[in-house]
Amino acid sequence: MRIENFIRFDASSPRILGLVRNQNILVPRIQLCKTDEVPIGGALKIETAGLILALFRTGSEFYTTDDCCTHGPGSLSEGFLEGEVIECNFHQGKFNIRTGEVVLPPCTVPIRIYKTVVEDGTVYIEV
């Protein structure tokens, strides 16, 4: 089944935003990068469309969260990734990158996650 795409350009970002039909609802889609730009077991910081994101790759799976730790000024894309858990580089709090939930204090507030889609070797988020 082919998803119907509608494309528009966002002047505030060099990326193309698309709208995809998902269960008869148009969902905005933002292009992040090519899959080969993110190392397996690694992360990439992406600033686009007014968002600062951390894109993680675990094997063939990709997950996207806000890059800023909810506890302090740490950048999650600069943290230590083990499986689906990212350790913040600031106070060593941990989050599950799939669910956003806190795994280890001192963090207490979950991080925002984004639905991440891979299509034709390109990574997108739906917002």
C-alpha atoms as a PDB file:
ATOM      1  CA  MET A   1       0.000   0.000   0.000  1.00  0.00           C
ATOM      2  CA  ARG A   2       1.455   3.365  -1.036  1.00  0.00           C
ATOM      3  CA  ILE A   3       1.118   6.332   1.327  1.00  0.00           C
ATOM      4  CA  GLU A   4      -0.071   9.477  -0.428  1.00  0.00           C
ATOM      5  CA  ASN A   5       2.425  12.330  -0.030  1.00  0.00           C
ATOM      6  CA  PHE A   6       1.847  16.069  -0.233  1.00  0.00           C
ATOM      7  CA  ILE A   7       4.998  18.217  -0.267  1.00  0.00           C
ATOM      8  CA  ARG A   8       5.514  21.848   0.752  1.00  0.00           C
ATOM      9  CA  PHE A   9       8.615  23.895   1.523  1.00  0.00           C
ATOM     10  CA  ASP A  10       9.162  25.516   4.924  1.00  0.00           C
ATOM     11  CA  ALA A  11      11.067  28.776   4.400  1.00  0.00           C
ATOM     12  CA  SER A  12      12.456  28.665   7.965  1.00  0.00           C
ATOM     13  CA  SER A  13      14.249  25.395   7.258  1.00  0.00           C
ATOM     14  CA  PRO A  14      16.330  24.027   4.397  1.00  0.00           C
ATOM     15  CA  ARG A  15      14.477  20.727   4.721  1.00  0.00           C
ATOM     16  CA  ILE A  16      11.341  19.745   2.870  1.00  0.00           C
ATOM     17  CA  LEU A  17       8.286  19.136   4.983  1.00  0.00           C
ATOM     18  CA  GLY A  18       5.776  16.616   3.737  1.00  0.00           C
ATOM     19  CA  LEU A  19       2.279  15.698   4.716  1.00  0.00           C
ATOM     20  CA  VAL A  20       1.391  12.025   4.691  1.00  0.00           C
ATOM     21  CA  ARG A  21      -2.058  10.536   4.826  1.00  0.00           C
ATOM     22  CA  ASN A  22      -2.278   8.328   7.909  1.00  0.00           C
ATOM     23  CA  GLN A  23      -5.741   6.872   8.585  1.00  0.00           C
ATOM     24  CA  ASN A  24      -7.340   9.741   6.603  1.00  0.00           C
ATOM     25  CA  ILE A  25      -5.527  12.399   8.659  1.00  0.00           C
ATOM     26  CA  LEU A  26      -2.772  14.547   7.175  1.00  0.00           C
ATOM     27  CA  VAL A  27       0.331  14.300   9.379  1.00  0.00           C
ATOM     28  CA  PRO A  28       3.269  16.740   8.960  1.00  0.00           C
ATOM     29  CA  ARG A  29       6.539  14.984   8.178  1.00  0.00           C
ATOM     30  CA  ILE A  30      10.026  16.506   8.534  1.00  0.00           C
ATOM     31  CA  GLN A  31      13.047  15.077   6.722  1.00  0.00           C
ATOM     32  CA  LEU A  32      16.025  14.607   9.075  1.00  0.00           C
ATOM     33  CA  CYS A  33      18.854  12.890   7.190  1.00  0.00           C
ATOM     34  CA  LYS A  34      19.951   9.815   5.260  1.00  0.00           C
ATOM     35  CA  THR A  35      20.144   6.571   7.248  1.00  0.00           C
ATOM     36  CA  ASP A  36      23.874   6.164   6.612  1.00  0.00           C
ATOM     37  CA  GLU A  37      24.595   9.502   8.346  1.00  0.00           C
ATOM     38  CA  VAL A  38      23.849   7.926  11.745  1.00  0.00           C
ATOM     39  CA  PRO A  39      26.297   5.269  12.959  1.00  0.00           C
ATOM     40  CA  ILE A  40      24.879   2.049  14.407  1.00  0.00           C
ATOM     41  CA  GLY A  41      24.787   2.463  18.189  1.00  0.00           C
ATOM     42  CA  GLY A  42      25.256   6.206  17.796  1.00  0.00           C
ATOM     43  CA  ALA A  43      23.425   9.494  17.738  1.00  0.00           C
ATOM     44  CA  LEU A  44      23.193  12.626  15.633  1.00  0.00           C
ATOM     45  CA  LYS A  45      22.132  16.114  16.736  1.00  0.00           C
ATOM     46  CA  ILE A  46      19.780  17.695  14.207  1.00  0.00           C
ATOM     47  CA  GLU A  47      18.469  21.259  14.233  1.00  0.00           C
ATOM     48  CA  THR A  48      15.567  21.752  11.834  1.00  0.00           C
ATOM     49  CA  ALA A  49      12.167  23.435  11.637  1.00  0.00           C
ATOM     50  CA  GLY A  50      12.739  25.141  14.995  1.00  0.00           C
ATOM     51  CA  LEU A  51      13.491  21.834  16.749  1.00  0.00           C
ATOM     52  CA  ILE A  52      16.719  20.579  18.350  1.00  0.00           C
ATOM     53  CA  LEU A  53      16.612  16.787  18.118  1.00  0.00           C
ATOM     54  CA  ALA A  54      18.664  13.735  18.976  1.00  0.00           C
ATOM     55  CA  LEU A  55      18.390  10.950  16.400  1.00  0.00           C
ATOM     56  CA  PHE A  56      19.528   7.531  17.650  1.00  0.00           C
ATOM     57  CA  ARG A  57      20.237   4.332  15.720  1.00  0.00           C
ATOM     58  CA  THR A  58      20.157   0.905  17.346  1.00  0.00           C
ATOM     59  CA  GLY A  59      20.820  -1.675  14.653  1.00  0.00           C
ATOM     60  CA  SER A  60      18.160  -1.096  11.991  1.00  0.00           C
ATOM     61  CA  GLU A  61      15.874   0.943  14.298  1.00  0.00           C
ATOM     62  CA  PHE A  62      15.838   4.753  14.527  1.00  0.00           C
ATOM     63  CA  TYR A  63      14.451   6.824  17.415  1.00  0.00           C
ATOM     64  CA  THR A  64      14.110  10.585  17.759  1.00  0.00           C
ATOM     65  CA  THR A  65      13.817  12.640  20.951  1.00  0.00           C
ATOM     66  CA  ASP A  66      14.351  16.235  21.984  1.00  0.00           C
ATOM     67  CA  ASP A  67      18.096  16.704  22.388  1.00  0.00           C
ATOM     68  CA  CYS A  68      17.966  18.634  25.663  1.00  0.00           C
ATOM     69  CA  CYS A  69      17.823  16.649  28.895  1.00  0.00           C
ATOM     70  CA  THR A  70      14.790  17.502  31.036  1.00  0.00           C
ATOM     71  CA  HIS A  71      17.000  17.739  34.149  1.00  0.00           C
ATOM     72  CA  GLY A  72      19.688  20.176  33.023  1.00  0.00           C
ATOM     73  CA  PRO A  73      21.678  21.538  30.100  1.00  0.00           C
ATOM     74  CA  GLY A  74      22.925  18.144  28.877  1.00  0.00           C
ATOM     75  CA  SER A  75      22.784  17.221  25.189  1.00  0.00           C
ATOM     76  CA  LEU A  76      21.383  13.702  24.809  1.00  0.00           C
ATOM     77  CA  SER A  77      23.037  13.260  21.403  1.00  0.00           C
ATOM     78  CA  GLU A  78      26.381  13.595  23.232  1.00  0.00           C
ATOM     79  CA  GLY A  79      25.434  10.981  25.839  1.00  0.00           C
ATOM     80  CA  PHE A  80      26.220   7.284  26.069  1.00  0.00           C
ATOM     81  CA  LEU A  81      23.772   4.972  24.248  1.00  0.00           C
ATOM     82  CA  GLU A  82      23.345   1.386  25.423  1.00  0.00           C
ATOM     83  CA  GLY A  83      20.554  -0.492  23.660  1.00  0.00           C
ATOM     84  CA  GLU A  84      17.438   1.683  24.003  1.00  0.00           C
ATOM     85  CA  VAL A  85      18.780   3.708  26.941  1.00  0.00           C
ATOM     86  CA  ILE A  86      20.598   7.035  26.627  1.00  0.00           C
ATOM     87  CA  GLU A  87      22.684   8.344  29.528  1.00  0.00           C
ATOM     88  CA  CYS A  88      22.809  12.128  29.715  1.00  0.00           C
ATOM     89  CA  ASN A  89      26.320  13.554  29.624  1.00  0.00           C
ATOM     90  CA  PHE A  90      25.503  16.159  32.314  1.00  0.00           C
ATOM     91  CA  HIS A  91      24.235  14.344  35.458  1.00  0.00           C
ATOM     92  CA  GLN A  92      24.186  10.740  34.142  1.00  0.00           C
ATOM     93  CA  GLY A  93      20.397  10.425  34.271  1.00  0.00           C
ATOM     94  CA  LYS A  94      19.005   7.859  31.846  1.00  0.00           C
ATOM     95  CA  PHE A  95      16.011   7.742  29.475  1.00  0.00           C
ATOM     96  CA  ASN A  96      14.447   5.089  27.271  1.00  0.00           C
ATOM     97  CA  ILE A  97      14.705   6.493  23.732  1.00  0.00           C
ATOM     98  CA  ARG A  98      11.749   4.409  22.514  1.00  0.00           C
ATOM     99  CA  THR A  99       9.266   5.580  25.178  1.00  0.00           C
ATOM    100  CA  GLY A 100      10.886   8.743  26.580  1.00  0.00           C
ATOM    101  CA  GLU A 101      10.477   7.434  30.132  1.00  0.00           C
ATOM    102  CA  VAL A 102      13.056   8.091  32.845  1.00  0.00           C
ATOM    103  CA  VAL A 103      15.171   5.001  33.581  1.00  0.00           C
ATOM    104  CA  LEU A 104      17.531   6.446  36.197  1.00  0.00           C
ATOM    105  CA  PRO A 105      17.461   9.632  38.340  1.00  0.00           C
ATOM    106  CA  PRO A 106      18.315  12.411  38.907  1.00  0.00           C
ATOM    107  CA  CYS A 107      16.002  12.981  35.923  1.00  0.00           C
ATOM    108  CA  THR A 108      12.309  12.822  36.806  1.00  0.00           C
ATOM    109  CA  VAL A 109      10.551  14.266  33.740  1.00  0.00           C
ATOM    110  CA  PRO A 110      10.312  12.113  30.569  1.00  0.00           C
ATOM    111  CA  ILE A 111      11.767  13.385  27.301  1.00  0.00           C
ATOM    112  CA  ARG A 112       9.617  14.101  24.257  1.00  0.00           C
ATOM    113  CA  ILE A 113       9.788  11.438  21.568  1.00  0.00           C
ATOM    114  CA  TYR A 114       8.817  11.675  17.902  1.00  0.00           C
ATOM    115  CA  LYS A 115       7.408   9.026  15.597  1.00  0.00           C
ATOM    116  CA  THR A 116      10.368   8.174  13.388  1.00  0.00           C
ATOM    117  CA  VAL A 117       9.883   6.779   9.897  1.00  0.00           C
ATOM    118  CA  VAL A 118      12.476   5.431   7.452  1.00  0.00           C
ATOM    119  CA  GLU A 119      11.556   5.463   3.788  1.00  0.00           C
ATOM    120  CA  ASP A 120      13.886   4.917   0.816  1.00  0.00           C
ATOM    121  CA  GLY A 121      17.029   5.409   2.938  1.00  0.00           C
ATOM    122  CA  THR A 122      15.820   8.698   4.453  1.00  0.00           C
ATOM    123  CA  VAL A 123      14.798   9.322   8.076  1.00  0.00           C
ATOM    124  CA  TYR A 124      11.729  11.467   8.845  1.00  0.00           C
ATOM    125  CA  ILE A 125       9.728  12.373  11.915  1.00  0.00           C
ATOM    126  CA  GLU A 126       5.987  12.897  12.012  1.00  0.00           C
ATOM    127  CA  VAL A 127       4.938  15.794  14.213  1.00  0.00           C
END
